[in-house]
């Protein structure tokens, strides 16, 4: 949390005035636009973890260079290291379509799918 003077002065006052425990959540405004956010969750067997992480990092590096890419990264769960999350944000659907046909995508994603334990969970959001 923030250590700004106004934050450290006001938040304790709000907490004291709250009925019950104060829960802090962060939200951003939903606005109209063409951006697309994709979250891909996959679990891999422990013996495939190093390979999957290497492929994931290769996918990230190449995808960040694709036109229309706003954000692309891979995360590894702190509570279950075999659980990976790839997230990506695209300027618009045409940019995503070009990315989805790119050599690095069509080569790496099937390999990750083969290593996945169960189905990859893919969530797609529009801004």
Protein backbone atom coordinates (compact mmCIF):
# COMPACT_ATOMS: atom_id res chain seq x y z
CA UNK A 1 0.00 0.00 0.00
CA UNK A 2 0.95 3.61 -0.24
CA UNK A 3 2.96 5.50 2.37
CA UNK A 4 1.81 8.95 1.19
CA UNK A 5 0.87 11.27 4.05
CA UNK A 6 -2.76 11.58 2.98
CA UNK A 7 -3.06 7.79 2.65
CA UNK A 8 -1.56 7.00 6.06
CA UNK A 9 -3.73 9.68 7.67
CA UNK A 10 -7.08 8.98 5.98
CA UNK A 11 -7.17 5.18 5.61
CA UNK A 12 -6.95 4.47 9.37
CA UNK A 13 -9.84 6.89 9.88
CA UNK A 14 -11.89 5.06 7.26
CA UNK A 15 -11.00 1.70 8.82
CA UNK A 16 -12.18 2.92 12.24
CA UNK A 17 -15.45 4.14 10.72
CA UNK A 18 -16.09 0.92 8.79
CA UNK A 19 -18.74 -1.53 9.92
CA UNK A 20 -16.91 -4.85 9.99
CA UNK A 21 -13.50 -5.50 8.49
CA UNK A 22 -12.29 -3.17 5.77
CA UNK A 23 -11.47 -4.96 2.52
CA UNK A 24 -9.37 -3.13 -0.02
CA UNK A 25 -9.83 -4.02 -3.67
CA UNK A 26 -8.50 -2.24 -6.72
CA UNK A 27 -10.75 -1.61 -9.72
CA UNK A 28 -10.32 0.13 -13.04
CA UNK A 29 -13.07 1.73 -15.05
CA UNK A 30 -14.48 -0.28 -17.91
CA UNK A 31 -14.62 1.83 -21.03
CA UNK A 32 -15.55 1.33 -24.61
CA UNK A 33 -12.72 0.37 -26.87
CA UNK A 34 -11.33 -2.31 -29.09
CA UNK A 35 -8.67 -3.72 -26.76
CA UNK A 36 -8.71 -7.44 -26.09
CA UNK A 37 -7.29 -9.07 -22.95
CA UNK A 38 -6.59 -12.80 -22.85
CA UNK A 39 -5.67 -14.79 -19.77
CA UNK A 40 -4.51 -18.35 -20.38
CA UNK A 41 -4.10 -20.66 -17.40
CA UNK A 42 -2.37 -23.99 -17.75
CA UNK A 43 -1.03 -26.61 -15.43
CA UNK A 44 1.93 -28.71 -16.52
CA UNK A 45 3.43 -31.86 -15.09
CA UNK A 46 6.48 -31.21 -12.92
CA UNK A 47 8.75 -33.04 -15.38
CA UNK A 48 7.65 -30.62 -18.16
CA UNK A 49 7.91 -27.44 -16.11
CA UNK A 50 11.37 -26.27 -17.26
CA UNK A 51 10.52 -26.90 -20.91
CA UNK A 52 7.11 -25.20 -20.63
CA UNK A 53 8.62 -22.14 -18.95
CA UNK A 54 11.28 -21.92 -21.66
CA UNK A 55 8.67 -22.13 -24.41
CA UNK A 56 6.47 -19.63 -22.58
CA UNK A 57 9.31 -17.14 -22.31
CA UNK A 58 10.12 -17.61 -26.01
CA UNK A 59 6.45 -16.98 -26.85
CA UNK A 60 6.43 -13.82 -24.71
CA UNK A 61 9.60 -12.43 -26.28
CA UNK A 62 8.39 -12.99 -29.84
CA UNK A 63 4.81 -11.87 -29.19
CA UNK A 64 5.87 -8.57 -27.67
CA UNK A 65 7.28 -7.71 -31.10
CA UNK A 66 3.97 -8.36 -32.87
CA UNK A 67 2.15 -5.28 -34.14
CA UNK A 68 -0.69 -4.18 -31.90
CA UNK A 69 0.67 -5.91 -28.80
CA UNK A 70 0.17 -3.85 -25.65
CA UNK A 71 1.21 -6.37 -23.02
CA UNK A 72 2.36 -10.01 -22.99
CA UNK A 73 3.87 -11.96 -20.12
CA UNK A 74 4.00 -15.28 -18.30
CA UNK A 75 3.66 -15.81 -14.57
CA UNK A 76 4.27 -18.84 -12.39
CA UNK A 77 2.06 -19.47 -9.36
CA UNK A 78 3.68 -18.98 -5.96
CA UNK A 79 1.40 -21.60 -4.41
CA UNK A 80 1.63 -24.21 -7.19
CA UNK A 81 4.75 -23.80 -9.37
CA UNK A 82 3.27 -26.08 -12.06
CA UNK A 83 0.44 -23.57 -12.61
CA UNK A 84 1.30 -20.98 -15.27
CA UNK A 85 -0.58 -17.94 -16.51
CA UNK A 86 0.08 -16.27 -19.84
CA UNK A 87 -1.66 -12.94 -20.24
CA UNK A 88 -1.80 -10.71 -23.25
CA UNK A 89 -3.43 -7.46 -24.29
CA UNK A 90 -3.99 -6.50 -27.91
CA UNK A 91 -4.89 -3.19 -29.55
CA UNK A 92 -7.74 -4.78 -31.51
CA UNK A 93 -9.02 -8.00 -33.11
CA UNK A 94 -7.04 -7.60 -36.35
CA UNK A 95 -3.80 -7.41 -34.33
CA UNK A 96 -4.79 -10.54 -32.40
CA UNK A 97 -5.65 -12.33 -35.64
CA UNK A 98 -2.19 -11.60 -37.10
CA UNK A 99 -0.55 -12.78 -33.86
CA UNK A 100 -2.63 -15.98 -33.82
CA UNK A 101 -1.30 -16.84 -37.30
CA UNK A 102 2.33 -15.96 -36.50
CA UNK A 103 4.98 -18.68 -36.72
CA UNK A 104 5.95 -18.43 -33.06
CA UNK A 105 2.32 -18.76 -31.95
CA UNK A 106 1.42 -21.68 -34.24
CA UNK A 107 4.62 -23.50 -33.26
CA UNK A 108 4.75 -22.90 -29.50
CA UNK A 109 1.12 -22.96 -28.38
CA UNK A 110 0.48 -26.55 -29.60
CA UNK A 111 3.59 -27.67 -27.69
CA UNK A 112 2.28 -26.01 -24.52
CA UNK A 113 -1.12 -27.61 -25.08
CA UNK A 114 0.54 -31.02 -25.32
CA UNK A 115 2.28 -30.44 -21.97
CA UNK A 116 -0.85 -29.17 -20.26
CA UNK A 117 -2.43 -31.35 -17.62
CA UNK A 118 -6.08 -31.07 -18.61
CA UNK A 119 -7.40 -28.25 -20.74
CA UNK A 120 -5.89 -24.78 -20.95
CA UNK A 121 -8.35 -22.29 -19.48
CA UNK A 122 -8.59 -19.34 -21.83
CA UNK A 123 -10.48 -16.20 -20.83
CA UNK A 124 -11.08 -13.40 -23.34
CA UNK A 125 -12.17 -9.89 -22.29
CA UNK A 126 -13.02 -6.77 -24.23
CA UNK A 127 -12.32 -3.33 -22.85
